[in-house]
Amino acid sequence: MFNGIMYFYLLTHGLANDNQRMKTLSVSVIWIVVGCMACNPPANETATRPNIIYIMSDDHGYQAISAYGYGLNKTPNIDRIAQEGALFTRATVTNSLCAPSRAVLLTGKHSFVNGKVDNEQPFDWNQDNFAKLLQQAGYQTAMVGKIHMDGLPQGFDYSAVLPGQGHYYNPDFIINGEKRQLHGYVTDLTTDLALDWLDRRNPDQPFCLLYHQKAPHREWLPAERHYPEYTQMEFPEPPSLFDDFQGRGTAAKAAEMNILKDMNWAGDSKLRPDVLDELGLVSPMKWDKGAYNNNLGRMDSTQRKAWDAAYNPINDAFRRDFQQLSDSQLMRWRYQRYMQDYLGCIASIDDGVGRLLEYLEANGLAENTIVVYTSDQGFYLGEHGWFDKRFMYEESFRTPLLIRYPKEIKPGTKIDALVQNLDFAPTFLDYAGATIPTAMQGQSFRNLVAGRSNDWRDAVYYTYYEYPAIHMVKRHYGIRTDRYKLIHFYYDIDEWELYDLQEDPKEMQNVYDDPAYKEIRDMMHKRLATIRTQYGDSDENDQKYLKAYLKTGDQ
C-alpha cells in the first residue's frame, strides 16, 4: 500500500520517471505518509471496543434482588450494578425454562427457530451464536459455569461448564472437553474459574466472558459460611401464599408446584430420610431420598460435619413439633425452609459478583467493561403458593436485568421497556461493532439504555412446550403489551386467559369472558396473530414440537 501511495505522490508532482530525484525524496515521502496515517487511523482502532461480562444465575427471581425493593434479602454487590448503571423493571424471557432460555441468549432467536424448545430436545451447536461472531470480530471468549446443553460449547476459546445441572458441593466441571472434579462450593469455584481466565487472557484483545452460576437452582444447598445466618432467618410471606385459584383456569389449578404438596421433603426441605421414615412422610418424587443422599454424599467429612451442625437441629425441632402442626402451619414452615436455603444460595452469588467487580476495579477494567446481571428466567417465591417457573405469569415470565457500562450508561438509570432475553445477542454484537445477522429476531437495546432513543417494541411473545412433565405446567403461548396479557393453553385443554396488569398486577382474575373487556380481547387476539406471523410461529410449529417431545418420552 505504501509503494502505491508514494508512486501516486510522485506522479502528481511529475517525479515518477526521475530515478535520481525519486531516491532523494523517498525518505521524505515516507515521513509524510506515516504522519498522515498517524493523524487518521482506521475508525476501528480509534475507539477501544468494550469488554463484555454476562453474569447469569439460574432461577433467580427479581424479587430476591434488593435493588427491586421487595425486602426479602440484601444483595449489595448485585445492586451496585444498578446503582452504577441501569435497572430493567420489565425484562422478560421468551420461554421460562433453563436450557431453552440459554439457547435464546446465544442465538437471538425464539425457541421454535433455534430448535431448543424444551430441556429434552437437542441443541444444535453448529448454528450461529453471538460468541462465534464475536470471535470472528477479534474477541476472546469464555464460558464458565452452567449451560445445561449437551456437547462441547462452540464459540468459546475456553469453556469450563457443569455437566447437566451440576452439583453444589465438590462438583464436576468439563474444562475444554475434559471432565474434572473440583473441591469446594460450586458458586465459589465458578467465580474462581472466571477470575482465573481473566488473569490468563490476552490483554491486547477485547474479551467476552459468560459467567453462569448454577445457584439458586433446586435443590438449594447454601455455602457453609451462610448456614448460621440464613437457617435462623424468618421471611415475610407473599399475600397469595394460600391462593385457591378462583378466577383462574385449569392450567393454574392443575400445576404441581405447591410448596406444601409438591416439594420434596428431603432434597427440598432438608429433612433426613430417617426422619421421614419415622414420621411416615412420603415425598411426591421417588427420587427425593436418592437426591438428598447424593447431594450430601459429595461432601467431605468437614463439609458434612458443618452441614449436620446446622441442619440436625432443624430436623430435631420438626420431629418434635410435627404432630401438632396444621396444614397451614406446615405450609408456613416449608415456605420458611424454602426461603432460608434459596436466599442463602443467592448470598454466595452476591459474594461472587463482589469479587468480580473488585477484580475489574483493581485491574483497570471497570470503565471499559459492560457488566450484565440476569437470570435464565424468573421464579416463584411463594406467590400463589408456588415454587419453580414455566408459566407466562409475571413472577416466572419476568427476569432480573441490571447492566453497567460507565462510558454510555448513566448511574441510576431505570428502563421500563419490554426487553427480552432475545435481545442480548444483538446488543452484544452492537457494542462490539460487529454485524448483527438479519436472522436474529431480537434487537439491540444499546441506544435505549444509553438514553439516545425511546424507539422500542410495544409487545413481547412467549412460548412454553415442556408438557406433560415435572410440575405439569400445560403448553401455552401468549402476548404481553404494556397493560394486557393474553395466554392460550392448548394440547389437552383449549383455554384462554386475559389479564389487565394495571388493575390486577398479581394476575388473580382472568377477564377473558368479561363483557367489559370484549374490545380489549379482540384487539389482543389481533395483536397475537400479528406477532406470531412476525416471528414465524404457528400451530404447525406447536404440533411439530409436540410430536418430537412425545417421542422422547415423559421424563
Protein backbone atom coordinates (compact mmCIF):
# COMPACT_ATOMS: atom_id res chain seq x y z
CA MET A 1 0.00 0.00 0.00
CA PHE A 2 2.85 2.35 0.85
CA ASN A 3 4.51 1.95 -2.57
CA GLY A 4 1.23 2.81 -4.28
CA ILE A 5 0.77 5.93 -2.18
CA MET A 6 4.36 7.07 -2.81
CA TYR A 7 4.05 6.49 -6.56
CA PHE A 8 0.82 8.49 -6.66
CA TYR A 9 2.54 11.36 -4.81
CA LEU A 10 5.49 11.40 -7.20
CA LEU A 11 3.31 11.06 -10.26
CA THR A 12 1.21 14.04 -9.32
CA HIS A 13 4.39 16.07 -8.82
CA GLY A 14 5.97 14.99 -12.13
CA LEU A 15 8.69 12.92 -10.46
CA ALA A 16 7.69 9.33 -11.13
CA ASN A 17 10.13 8.85 -14.01
CA ASP A 18 13.07 10.70 -12.48
CA ASN A 19 15.05 7.97 -10.62
CA GLN A 20 17.58 10.29 -9.02
CA ARG A 21 15.01 12.67 -7.62
CA MET A 22 12.80 9.74 -6.61
CA LYS A 23 15.61 8.32 -4.46
CA THR A 24 16.25 11.71 -2.92
CA LEU A 25 12.63 12.27 -1.96
CA SER A 26 11.65 8.76 -0.88
CA VAL A 27 12.60 9.23 2.78
CA SER A 28 10.64 12.49 2.95
CA VAL A 29 7.60 10.86 1.39
CA ILE A 30 7.75 8.01 3.91
CA TRP A 31 7.53 10.51 6.74
CA ILE A 32 4.66 12.35 5.06
CA VAL A 33 2.67 9.13 4.63
CA VAL A 34 3.40 7.89 8.14
CA GLY A 35 2.39 11.24 9.56
CA CYS A 36 -0.90 11.20 7.65
CA MET A 37 -1.69 7.67 8.77
CA ALA A 38 -0.97 8.62 12.37
CA CYS A 39 -3.38 11.54 12.11
CA ASN A 40 -6.13 9.42 10.55
CA PRO A 41 -6.05 5.85 11.91
CA PRO A 42 -8.84 3.48 10.89
CA ALA A 43 -12.06 4.03 12.80
CA ASN A 44 -11.95 0.60 14.44
CA GLU A 45 -8.57 1.45 16.01
CA THR A 46 -9.56 4.84 17.41
CA ALA A 47 -12.19 3.51 19.81
CA THR A 48 -11.40 0.71 22.26
CA ARG A 49 -14.06 -1.93 21.92
CA PRO A 50 -15.72 -2.77 25.24
CA ASN A 51 -15.21 -5.98 27.12
CA ILE A 52 -18.39 -7.89 27.98
CA ILE A 53 -19.13 -9.88 31.13
CA TYR A 54 -22.51 -11.58 31.14
CA ILE A 55 -23.47 -12.96 34.56
CA MET A 56 -26.42 -15.33 34.58
CA SER A 57 -27.69 -17.19 37.60
CA ASP A 58 -30.25 -20.00 37.45
CA ASP A 59 -33.82 -19.42 38.73
CA HIS A 60 -33.01 -16.10 40.42
CA GLY A 61 -36.32 -14.28 40.81
CA TYR A 62 -36.21 -10.50 40.58
CA GLN A 63 -37.99 -10.41 43.96
CA ALA A 64 -34.76 -11.72 45.52
CA ILE A 65 -32.59 -8.78 44.42
CA SER A 66 -32.79 -5.93 46.89
CA ALA A 67 -32.49 -3.31 44.13
CA TYR A 68 -36.04 -4.30 43.10
CA GLY A 69 -37.37 -3.31 46.52
CA TYR A 70 -39.21 -6.42 47.72
CA GLY A 71 -37.39 -6.52 51.07
CA LEU A 72 -36.72 -10.27 51.13
CA ASN A 73 -32.92 -10.15 51.23
CA LYS A 74 -29.91 -7.95 50.63
CA THR A 75 -27.72 -8.19 47.53
CA PRO A 76 -25.38 -5.19 47.81
CA ASN A 77 -22.96 -6.25 45.08
CA ILE A 78 -25.63 -7.05 42.50
CA ASP A 79 -27.39 -3.81 43.49
CA ARG A 80 -24.19 -1.94 42.75
CA ILE A 81 -24.55 -2.77 39.05
CA ALA A 82 -27.89 -0.94 39.01
CA GLN A 83 -26.65 1.94 41.15
CA GLU A 84 -23.74 2.49 38.76
CA GLY A 85 -25.76 1.63 35.66
CA ALA A 86 -29.30 0.59 34.79
CA LEU A 87 -32.14 -1.48 36.24
CA PHE A 88 -34.72 -3.01 33.88
CA THR A 89 -38.13 -3.30 35.51
CA ARG A 90 -39.93 -5.34 32.84
CA ALA A 91 -37.32 -7.57 31.25
CA THR A 92 -38.81 -10.93 30.26
CA VAL A 93 -37.90 -14.28 28.74
CA THR A 94 -39.34 -15.97 25.67
CA ASN A 95 -39.55 -19.42 27.30
CA SER A 96 -39.25 -19.82 31.08
CA LEU A 97 -37.12 -22.94 31.23
CA CYS A 98 -33.37 -23.43 31.78
CA ALA A 99 -31.94 -24.80 28.54
CA PRO A 100 -34.34 -23.05 26.11
CA SER A 101 -33.58 -19.72 27.75
CA ARG A 102 -29.85 -20.24 27.25
CA ALA A 103 -30.35 -21.18 23.62
CA VAL A 104 -32.28 -17.95 23.07
CA LEU A 105 -29.49 -15.97 24.74
CA LEU A 106 -26.86 -17.46 22.43
CA THR A 107 -28.76 -17.34 19.14
CA GLY A 108 -31.01 -14.28 19.46
CA LYS A 109 -33.83 -16.46 18.11
CA HIS A 110 -37.05 -17.83 19.59
CA SER A 111 -37.10 -21.46 20.72
CA PHE A 112 -39.17 -22.61 17.74
CA VAL A 113 -36.47 -21.17 15.44
CA ASN A 114 -33.28 -22.33 17.21
CA GLY A 115 -34.85 -25.74 17.92
CA LYS A 116 -34.25 -25.89 21.69
CA VAL A 117 -37.90 -25.70 22.77
CA ASP A 118 -37.58 -27.72 25.99
CA ASN A 119 -35.00 -29.44 28.18
CA GLU A 120 -35.27 -32.66 26.17
CA GLN A 121 -34.67 -31.66 22.56
CA PRO A 122 -31.00 -31.43 21.47
CA PHE A 123 -29.35 -28.08 20.80
CA ASP A 124 -27.54 -27.67 17.50
CA TRP A 125 -24.20 -26.07 18.39
CA ASN A 126 -23.39 -25.77 14.68
CA GLN A 127 -25.79 -22.88 14.25
CA ASP A 128 -24.56 -19.31 14.63
CA ASN A 129 -24.36 -17.76 18.07
CA PHE A 130 -23.14 -14.37 19.19
CA ALA A 131 -19.96 -15.79 20.75
CA LYS A 132 -18.87 -17.20 17.38
CA LEU A 133 -19.50 -13.83 15.78
CA LEU A 134 -17.52 -12.05 18.49
CA GLN A 135 -14.63 -14.45 17.90
CA GLN A 136 -14.71 -13.54 14.23
CA ALA A 137 -14.64 -9.88 15.26
CA GLY A 138 -11.44 -10.41 17.27
CA TYR A 139 -12.82 -11.07 20.74
CA GLN A 140 -11.51 -13.66 23.19
CA THR A 141 -14.45 -15.65 24.51
CA ALA A 142 -15.03 -17.89 27.52
CA MET A 143 -17.94 -19.69 29.15
CA VAL A 144 -17.75 -20.73 32.79
CA GLY A 145 -20.46 -22.47 34.83
CA LYS A 146 -23.85 -23.86 33.88
CA ILE A 147 -25.07 -24.15 30.27
CA HIS A 148 -27.33 -27.24 30.62
CA MET A 149 -26.93 -28.27 26.99
CA ASP A 150 -25.05 -31.35 25.79
CA GLY A 151 -21.99 -31.08 23.60
CA LEU A 152 -18.82 -29.01 23.76
CA PRO A 153 -19.83 -25.34 23.62
CA GLN A 154 -18.96 -23.73 20.29
CA GLY A 155 -17.85 -20.13 20.02
CA PHE A 156 -15.60 -20.17 23.07
CA ASP A 157 -11.81 -20.20 23.29
CA TYR A 158 -12.20 -21.58 26.81
CA SER A 159 -15.06 -23.41 28.48
CA ALA A 160 -15.41 -24.85 31.98
CA VAL A 161 -19.00 -25.99 32.27
CA LEU A 162 -21.04 -28.13 34.64
CA PRO A 163 -22.46 -31.39 33.29
CA GLY A 164 -26.25 -31.08 33.31
CA GLN A 165 -27.49 -29.33 36.43
CA GLY A 166 -24.19 -29.72 38.24
CA HIS A 167 -23.72 -30.19 42.00
CA TYR A 168 -23.37 -27.69 44.80
CA TYR A 169 -20.52 -29.42 46.65
CA ASN A 170 -17.31 -30.73 45.06
CA PRO A 171 -18.78 -30.53 41.56
CA ASP A 172 -17.53 -31.88 38.27
CA PHE A 173 -16.57 -29.42 35.54
CA ILE A 174 -15.93 -30.17 31.88
CA ILE A 175 -12.91 -27.98 31.16
CA ASN A 176 -12.25 -27.67 27.43
CA GLY A 177 -13.83 -31.10 26.98
CA GLU A 178 -12.06 -32.84 29.89
CA LYS A 179 -14.09 -33.80 32.97
CA ARG A 180 -12.56 -32.95 36.34
CA GLN A 181 -13.91 -32.86 39.90
CA LEU A 182 -13.02 -29.72 41.84
CA HIS A 183 -13.13 -29.43 45.61
CA GLY A 184 -15.24 -26.70 47.14
CA TYR A 185 -18.56 -24.93 46.73
CA VAL A 186 -19.84 -24.57 43.18
CA THR A 187 -20.63 -20.85 43.29
CA ASP A 188 -17.18 -20.00 44.61
CA LEU A 189 -15.47 -22.38 42.18
CA THR A 190 -17.32 -20.88 39.22
CA THR A 191 -16.11 -17.45 40.31
CA ASP A 192 -12.56 -18.76 40.77
CA LEU A 193 -12.53 -20.19 37.24
CA ALA A 194 -13.89 -16.96 35.77
CA LEU A 195 -11.28 -14.80 37.51
CA ASP A 196 -8.52 -17.25 36.60
CA TRP A 197 -9.44 -16.98 32.93
CA LEU A 198 -9.45 -13.18 33.15
CA ASP A 199 -5.93 -13.35 34.58
CA ARG A 200 -4.72 -15.59 31.74
CA ARG A 201 -6.40 -13.84 28.78
CA ASN A 202 -4.51 -11.82 26.21
CA PRO A 203 -4.65 -8.22 27.50
CA ASP A 204 -4.30 -6.87 23.96
CA GLN A 205 -7.67 -8.23 22.84
CA PRO A 206 -11.21 -7.39 23.98
CA PHE A 207 -12.99 -10.23 25.74
CA CYS A 208 -16.43 -11.66 26.34
CA LEU A 209 -16.95 -13.82 29.42
CA LEU A 210 -20.16 -15.75 30.10
CA TYR A 211 -20.10 -16.31 33.86
CA HIS A 212 -23.02 -18.63 34.64
CA GLN A 213 -23.90 -19.68 38.19
CA LYS A 214 -25.76 -22.91 38.96
CA ALA A 215 -27.31 -21.32 42.05
CA PRO A 216 -30.02 -20.88 43.13
CA HIS A 217 -31.36 -23.92 41.25
CA ARG A 218 -33.21 -26.65 43.14
CA GLU A 219 -32.20 -28.41 45.41
CA TRP A 220 -30.92 -25.41 47.32
CA LEU A 221 -27.69 -26.04 49.26
CA PRO A 222 -26.11 -22.84 50.62
CA ALA A 223 -22.41 -22.38 51.28
CA GLU A 224 -21.24 -23.29 54.76
CA ARG A 225 -20.49 -19.68 55.68
CA HIS A 226 -24.14 -18.75 55.17
CA TYR A 227 -25.69 -21.54 57.29
CA PRO A 228 -25.66 -19.70 60.62
CA GLU A 229 -27.41 -16.57 59.36
CA TYR A 230 -29.90 -17.90 56.83
CA THR A 231 -31.15 -21.00 58.68
CA GLN A 232 -32.22 -18.69 61.51
CA MET A 233 -33.93 -16.02 59.42
CA GLU A 234 -37.68 -15.51 59.01
CA PHE A 235 -39.07 -14.00 55.82
CA PRO A 236 -42.32 -12.19 55.03
CA GLU A 237 -44.98 -14.31 53.36
CA PRO A 238 -46.42 -13.27 49.99
CA PRO A 239 -50.13 -12.30 50.19
CA SER A 240 -51.08 -15.11 47.79
CA LEU A 241 -49.28 -17.92 49.65
CA PHE A 242 -52.65 -19.65 50.19
CA ASP A 243 -54.09 -18.85 46.76
CA ASP A 244 -57.14 -21.01 45.90
CA PHE A 245 -57.01 -20.07 42.16
CA GLN A 246 -60.58 -18.87 41.99
CA GLY A 247 -60.82 -16.71 38.89
CA ARG A 248 -58.13 -18.67 37.06
CA GLY A 249 -58.37 -21.54 34.58
CA THR A 250 -57.48 -25.22 34.55
CA ALA A 251 -53.75 -24.73 34.00
CA ALA A 252 -53.09 -22.95 37.29
CA LYS A 253 -55.23 -25.42 39.22
CA ALA A 254 -53.55 -28.47 37.64
CA ALA A 255 -49.92 -27.36 38.05
CA GLU A 256 -47.82 -29.30 40.54
CA MET A 257 -45.73 -26.52 42.08
CA ASN A 258 -47.33 -26.12 45.51
CA ILE A 259 -44.79 -25.69 48.31
CA LEU A 260 -46.73 -27.88 50.74
CA LYS A 261 -47.91 -30.61 48.38
CA ASP A 262 -45.31 -30.81 45.61
CA MET A 263 -41.95 -30.04 47.21
CA ASN A 264 -39.78 -32.94 48.26
CA TRP A 265 -39.27 -33.37 51.99
CA ALA A 266 -35.60 -34.43 51.94
CA GLY A 267 -33.98 -32.71 48.97
CA ASP A 268 -36.02 -29.51 49.20
CA SER A 269 -36.88 -29.09 52.90
CA LYS A 270 -33.69 -30.87 54.08
CA LEU A 271 -35.35 -33.43 56.35
CA ARG A 272 -33.19 -36.51 56.75
CA PRO A 273 -34.55 -39.77 55.26
CA ASP A 274 -34.64 -41.39 58.72
CA VAL A 275 -36.85 -38.56 59.97
CA LEU A 276 -39.21 -39.04 57.01
CA ASP A 277 -39.46 -42.75 57.75
CA GLU A 278 -40.11 -42.14 61.43
CA LEU A 279 -42.90 -39.64 60.70
CA GLY A 280 -44.36 -41.54 57.77
CA LEU A 281 -43.80 -38.70 55.31
CA VAL A 282 -43.68 -39.61 51.62
CA SER A 283 -42.33 -37.18 49.03
CA PRO A 284 -44.14 -36.67 45.71
CA MET A 285 -40.99 -37.63 43.75
CA LYS A 286 -39.50 -41.11 44.16
CA TRP A 287 -36.01 -39.77 43.61
CA ASP A 288 -36.16 -37.49 46.67
CA LYS A 289 -34.14 -39.54 49.16
CA GLY A 290 -31.68 -40.51 46.45
CA ALA A 291 -31.12 -36.87 45.52
CA TYR A 292 -30.62 -35.92 49.18
CA ASN A 293 -28.09 -38.71 49.75
CA ASN A 294 -26.29 -37.94 46.50
CA ASN A 295 -26.01 -34.22 47.26
CA LEU A 296 -24.71 -34.75 50.77
CA GLY A 297 -22.65 -37.76 49.73
CA ARG A 298 -20.41 -35.48 47.65
CA MET A 299 -19.32 -33.62 50.79
CA ASP A 300 -16.09 -34.43 52.56
CA SER A 301 -16.14 -35.11 56.31
CA THR A 302 -15.51 -31.49 57.26
CA GLN A 303 -18.23 -30.18 54.98
CA ARG A 304 -20.69 -32.81 56.22
CA LYS A 305 -19.94 -32.01 59.85
CA ALA A 306 -20.75 -28.33 59.26
CA TRP A 307 -23.96 -29.29 57.45
CA ASP A 308 -25.10 -31.59 60.23
CA ALA A 309 -24.36 -28.97 62.86
CA ALA A 310 -26.71 -26.54 61.10
CA TYR A 311 -29.46 -28.87 59.84
CA ASN A 312 -29.74 -31.55 62.54
CA PRO A 313 -31.33 -29.07 64.99
CA ILE A 314 -33.89 -28.18 62.29
CA ASN A 315 -34.70 -31.89 61.90
CA ASP A 316 -34.93 -32.39 65.67
CA ALA A 317 -37.33 -29.47 66.11
CA PHE A 318 -39.53 -30.63 63.23
CA ARG A 319 -39.68 -34.19 64.59
CA ARG A 320 -40.74 -32.82 67.97
CA ASP A 321 -43.43 -30.46 66.63
CA PHE A 322 -44.76 -32.31 63.58
CA GLN A 323 -47.83 -33.92 65.13
CA GLN A 324 -49.11 -30.54 66.35
CA LEU A 325 -48.74 -28.73 63.01
CA SER A 326 -51.84 -27.98 60.93
CA ASP A 327 -51.67 -27.90 57.13
CA SER A 328 -51.41 -24.11 57.15
CA GLN A 329 -48.63 -24.24 59.73
CA LEU A 330 -46.83 -26.88 57.66
CA MET A 331 -47.14 -24.63 54.61
CA ARG A 332 -45.62 -21.74 56.53
CA TRP A 333 -42.82 -23.94 57.87
CA ARG A 334 -41.99 -25.21 54.39
CA TYR A 335 -42.08 -21.69 52.95
CA GLN A 336 -39.54 -20.51 55.53
CA ARG A 337 -37.30 -23.53 54.88
CA TYR A 338 -37.50 -22.82 51.16
CA MET A 339 -36.59 -19.15 51.54
CA GLN A 340 -33.77 -19.85 54.01
CA ASP A 341 -31.95 -22.16 51.63
CA TYR A 342 -32.87 -20.39 48.38
CA LEU A 343 -31.79 -16.97 49.61
CA GLY A 344 -28.74 -18.48 51.32
CA CYS A 345 -27.62 -19.70 47.88
CA ILE A 346 -28.12 -16.21 46.46
CA ALA A 347 -25.89 -14.74 49.16
CA SER A 348 -22.95 -16.63 47.64
CA ILE A 349 -23.82 -15.38 44.16
CA ASP A 350 -23.68 -11.84 45.51
CA ASP A 351 -20.32 -12.61 47.10
CA GLY A 352 -19.03 -13.70 43.69
CA VAL A 353 -20.33 -10.58 41.95
CA GLY A 354 -18.50 -8.53 44.55
CA ARG A 355 -15.24 -10.37 43.85
CA LEU A 356 -15.68 -9.80 40.12
CA LEU A 357 -16.38 -6.08 40.45
CA GLU A 358 -13.35 -5.70 42.73
CA TYR A 359 -11.20 -7.51 40.16
CA LEU A 360 -12.30 -5.15 37.41
CA GLU A 361 -11.51 -2.12 39.57
CA ALA A 362 -8.13 -3.46 40.67
CA ASN A 363 -7.08 -4.23 37.09
CA GLY A 364 -8.25 -1.01 35.47
CA LEU A 365 -11.02 -2.75 33.52
CA ALA A 366 -14.15 -1.26 35.08
CA GLU A 367 -14.53 1.74 32.75
CA ASN A 368 -14.44 -0.24 29.52
CA THR A 369 -16.29 -3.38 30.58
CA ILE A 370 -20.00 -3.98 30.17
CA VAL A 371 -21.30 -5.98 33.15
CA VAL A 372 -24.72 -7.61 32.87
CA TYR A 373 -26.54 -9.45 35.65
CA THR A 374 -29.61 -11.53 34.87
CA SER A 375 -31.20 -14.96 35.33
CA ASP A 376 -32.33 -17.58 32.86
CA GLN A 377 -35.91 -16.79 33.96
CA GLY A 378 -37.93 -15.68 36.94
CA PHE A 379 -39.05 -17.87 39.83
CA TYR A 380 -41.98 -18.22 42.22
CA LEU A 381 -41.04 -17.37 45.78
CA GLY A 382 -44.30 -18.48 47.37
CA GLU A 383 -46.60 -16.37 45.19
CA HIS A 384 -49.75 -18.44 44.51
CA GLY A 385 -48.25 -20.98 46.92
CA TRP A 386 -45.73 -21.96 44.26
CA PHE A 387 -42.07 -22.64 43.63
CA ASP A 388 -40.45 -23.16 40.18
CA LYS A 389 -41.26 -21.25 36.95
CA ARG A 390 -42.60 -22.21 33.43
CA PHE A 391 -45.79 -20.12 33.35
CA MET A 392 -46.21 -16.87 31.45
CA TYR A 393 -47.47 -15.29 34.68
CA GLU A 394 -45.29 -12.39 35.78
CA GLU A 395 -43.13 -13.98 38.50
CA SER A 396 -41.88 -16.60 36.04
CA PHE A 397 -42.02 -14.54 32.84
CA ARG A 398 -40.09 -11.56 34.19
CA THR A 399 -36.40 -11.83 34.89
CA PRO A 400 -33.95 -9.54 36.69
CA LEU A 401 -31.76 -7.45 34.43
CA LEU A 402 -29.10 -4.98 35.55
CA ILE A 403 -26.32 -3.55 33.37
CA ARG A 404 -23.35 -1.28 33.96
CA TYR A 405 -21.20 0.42 31.31
CA PRO A 406 -19.75 3.72 32.59
CA LYS A 407 -18.91 5.01 29.10
CA GLU A 408 -22.55 5.03 27.97
CA ILE A 409 -24.98 4.29 30.80
CA LYS A 410 -25.75 6.90 33.44
CA PRO A 411 -25.81 5.72 37.06
CA GLY A 412 -29.29 5.10 38.42
CA THR A 413 -30.92 4.63 35.00
CA LYS A 414 -34.30 2.88 35.07
CA ILE A 415 -35.71 1.16 31.99
CA ASP A 416 -39.40 0.14 31.82
CA ALA A 417 -39.32 -1.06 28.20
CA LEU A 418 -40.29 -4.63 27.25
CA VAL A 419 -36.80 -6.01 26.74
CA GLN A 420 -36.36 -9.79 26.35
CA ASN A 421 -33.52 -12.31 26.55
CA LEU A 422 -34.00 -12.43 22.78
CA ASP A 423 -32.18 -9.07 22.69
CA PHE A 424 -28.88 -9.98 24.36
CA ALA A 425 -27.15 -11.38 21.27
CA PRO A 426 -27.80 -8.37 19.02
CA THR A 427 -26.99 -5.97 21.85
CA PHE A 428 -23.58 -7.51 22.48
CA LEU A 429 -22.78 -7.54 18.77
CA ASP A 430 -23.81 -3.89 18.58
CA TYR A 431 -21.47 -2.92 21.43
CA ALA A 432 -18.65 -4.87 19.74
CA GLY A 433 -19.18 -3.11 16.40
CA ALA A 434 -19.93 -6.46 14.75
CA THR A 435 -22.59 -7.11 12.13
CA ILE A 436 -25.93 -8.27 13.53
CA PRO A 437 -27.29 -11.10 11.33
CA THR A 438 -30.72 -10.42 9.89
CA ALA A 439 -31.76 -13.91 11.08
CA MET A 440 -31.57 -12.75 14.70
CA GLN A 441 -35.05 -11.91 15.96
CA GLY A 442 -34.09 -9.69 18.86
CA GLN A 443 -32.95 -6.09 18.72
CA SER A 444 -30.14 -4.17 20.34
CA PHE A 445 -31.14 -2.13 23.39
CA ARG A 446 -27.85 -0.20 23.39
CA ASN A 447 -29.38 3.13 22.38
CA LEU A 448 -32.36 2.57 24.68
CA VAL A 449 -30.28 2.09 27.81
CA ALA A 450 -27.92 4.93 26.85
CA GLY A 451 -30.88 7.31 26.60
CA ARG A 452 -30.32 8.01 22.91
CA SER A 453 -33.64 6.54 21.77
CA ASN A 454 -37.06 5.60 23.11
CA ASP A 455 -38.00 3.65 20.00
CA TRP A 456 -38.85 0.15 21.21
CA ARG A 457 -41.32 -2.70 20.74
CA ASP A 458 -44.72 -2.44 22.42
CA ALA A 459 -45.37 -6.18 22.81
CA VAL A 460 -43.46 -9.39 23.55
CA TYR A 461 -44.16 -13.01 22.66
CA TYR A 462 -43.84 -16.14 24.83
CA THR A 463 -43.94 -19.92 24.29
CA TYR A 464 -43.76 -22.93 26.62
CA TYR A 465 -43.63 -26.56 25.43
CA GLU A 466 -42.49 -28.99 28.14
CA TYR A 467 -45.70 -30.89 28.98
CA PRO A 468 -46.55 -33.49 30.17
CA ALA A 469 -43.56 -33.31 32.50
CA ILE A 470 -42.46 -32.44 36.01
CA HIS A 471 -44.66 -29.71 37.53
CA MET A 472 -47.33 -30.36 34.87
CA VAL A 473 -47.49 -26.81 33.51
CA LYS A 474 -49.55 -27.01 30.35
CA ARG A 475 -48.32 -25.94 26.92
CA HIS A 476 -49.09 -22.36 26.14
CA TYR A 477 -48.14 -19.26 24.20
CA GLY A 478 -49.12 -15.63 24.57
CA ILE A 479 -48.51 -11.94 24.13
CA ARG A 480 -47.88 -9.18 26.66
CA THR A 481 -48.28 -5.48 25.97
CA ASP A 482 -47.71 -2.57 28.30
CA ARG A 483 -51.01 -3.25 30.09
CA TYR A 484 -52.54 -6.54 28.95
CA LYS A 485 -51.59 -10.20 28.66
CA LEU A 486 -53.33 -12.85 26.54
CA ILE A 487 -52.43 -16.54 27.01
CA HIS A 488 -53.61 -19.63 25.13
CA PHE A 489 -53.29 -23.00 26.90
CA TYR A 490 -53.51 -25.90 24.45
CA TYR A 491 -52.89 -29.63 23.77
CA ASP A 492 -55.13 -31.40 26.32
CA ILE A 493 -57.18 -28.25 27.00
CA ASP A 494 -58.19 -25.24 24.92
CA GLU A 495 -58.45 -22.27 27.27
CA TRP A 496 -57.71 -18.57 27.01
CA GLU A 497 -56.76 -16.16 29.79
CA LEU A 498 -56.66 -12.36 29.66
CA TYR A 499 -55.21 -10.18 32.40
CA ASP A 500 -55.35 -6.43 32.95
CA LEU A 501 -51.94 -5.85 34.54
CA GLN A 502 -52.80 -2.30 35.54
CA GLU A 503 -55.88 -3.27 37.53
CA ASP A 504 -54.68 -6.75 38.51
CA PRO A 505 -50.85 -6.84 38.64
CA LYS A 506 -50.86 -10.11 40.62
CA GLU A 507 -52.94 -11.82 37.90
CA MET A 508 -55.64 -13.09 40.22
CA GLN A 509 -58.62 -12.64 37.88
CA ASN A 510 -58.93 -13.91 34.32
CA VAL A 511 -61.15 -11.38 32.47
CA TYR A 512 -61.26 -13.18 29.13
CA ASP A 513 -65.02 -13.77 29.34
CA ASP A 514 -65.81 -10.44 30.99
CA PRO A 515 -68.06 -8.45 28.58
CA ALA A 516 -66.37 -5.23 29.69
CA TYR A 517 -63.13 -6.49 28.10
CA LYS A 518 -64.58 -7.65 24.77
CA GLU A 519 -62.88 -4.92 22.72
CA ILE A 520 -59.59 -5.49 24.53
CA ARG A 521 -59.88 -9.24 23.97
CA ASP A 522 -60.48 -8.78 20.25
CA MET A 523 -57.61 -6.34 19.98
CA MET A 524 -55.25 -8.72 21.79
CA HIS A 525 -56.22 -11.61 19.53
CA LYS A 526 -55.29 -9.50 16.51
CA ARG A 527 -52.01 -8.48 18.13
CA LEU A 528 -51.24 -12.11 18.93
CA ALA A 529 -51.87 -13.22 15.34
CA THR A 530 -49.64 -10.42 14.07
CA ILE A 531 -46.75 -11.16 16.41
CA ARG A 532 -46.88 -14.90 15.68
CA THR A 533 -46.60 -14.11 11.98
CA GLN A 534 -43.80 -11.61 12.66
CA TYR A 535 -41.66 -14.22 14.44
CA GLY A 536 -42.66 -17.13 12.22
CA ASP A 537 -44.62 -19.16 14.76
CA SER A 538 -47.75 -21.20 14.03
CA ASP A 539 -49.99 -24.04 15.17
CA GLU A 540 -47.94 -26.24 12.85
CA ASN A 541 -44.84 -25.47 14.93
CA ASP A 542 -46.75 -26.41 18.07
CA GLN A 543 -47.69 -29.78 16.61
CA LYS A 544 -44.18 -30.43 15.28
CA TYR A 545 -42.54 -29.91 18.64
CA LEU A 546 -45.30 -31.78 20.47
CA LYS A 547 -44.63 -34.87 18.34
CA ALA A 548 -40.86 -34.51 18.85
CA TYR A 549 -41.31 -34.22 22.62
CA LEU A 550 -43.65 -37.18 22.94
CA LYS A 551 -41.11 -39.33 21.08
CA THR A 552 -38.56 -38.63 23.82
CA GLY A 553 -40.96 -39.95 26.44
CA ASP A 554 -42.25 -38.29 29.58
CA GLN A 555 -39.06 -37.56 31.52
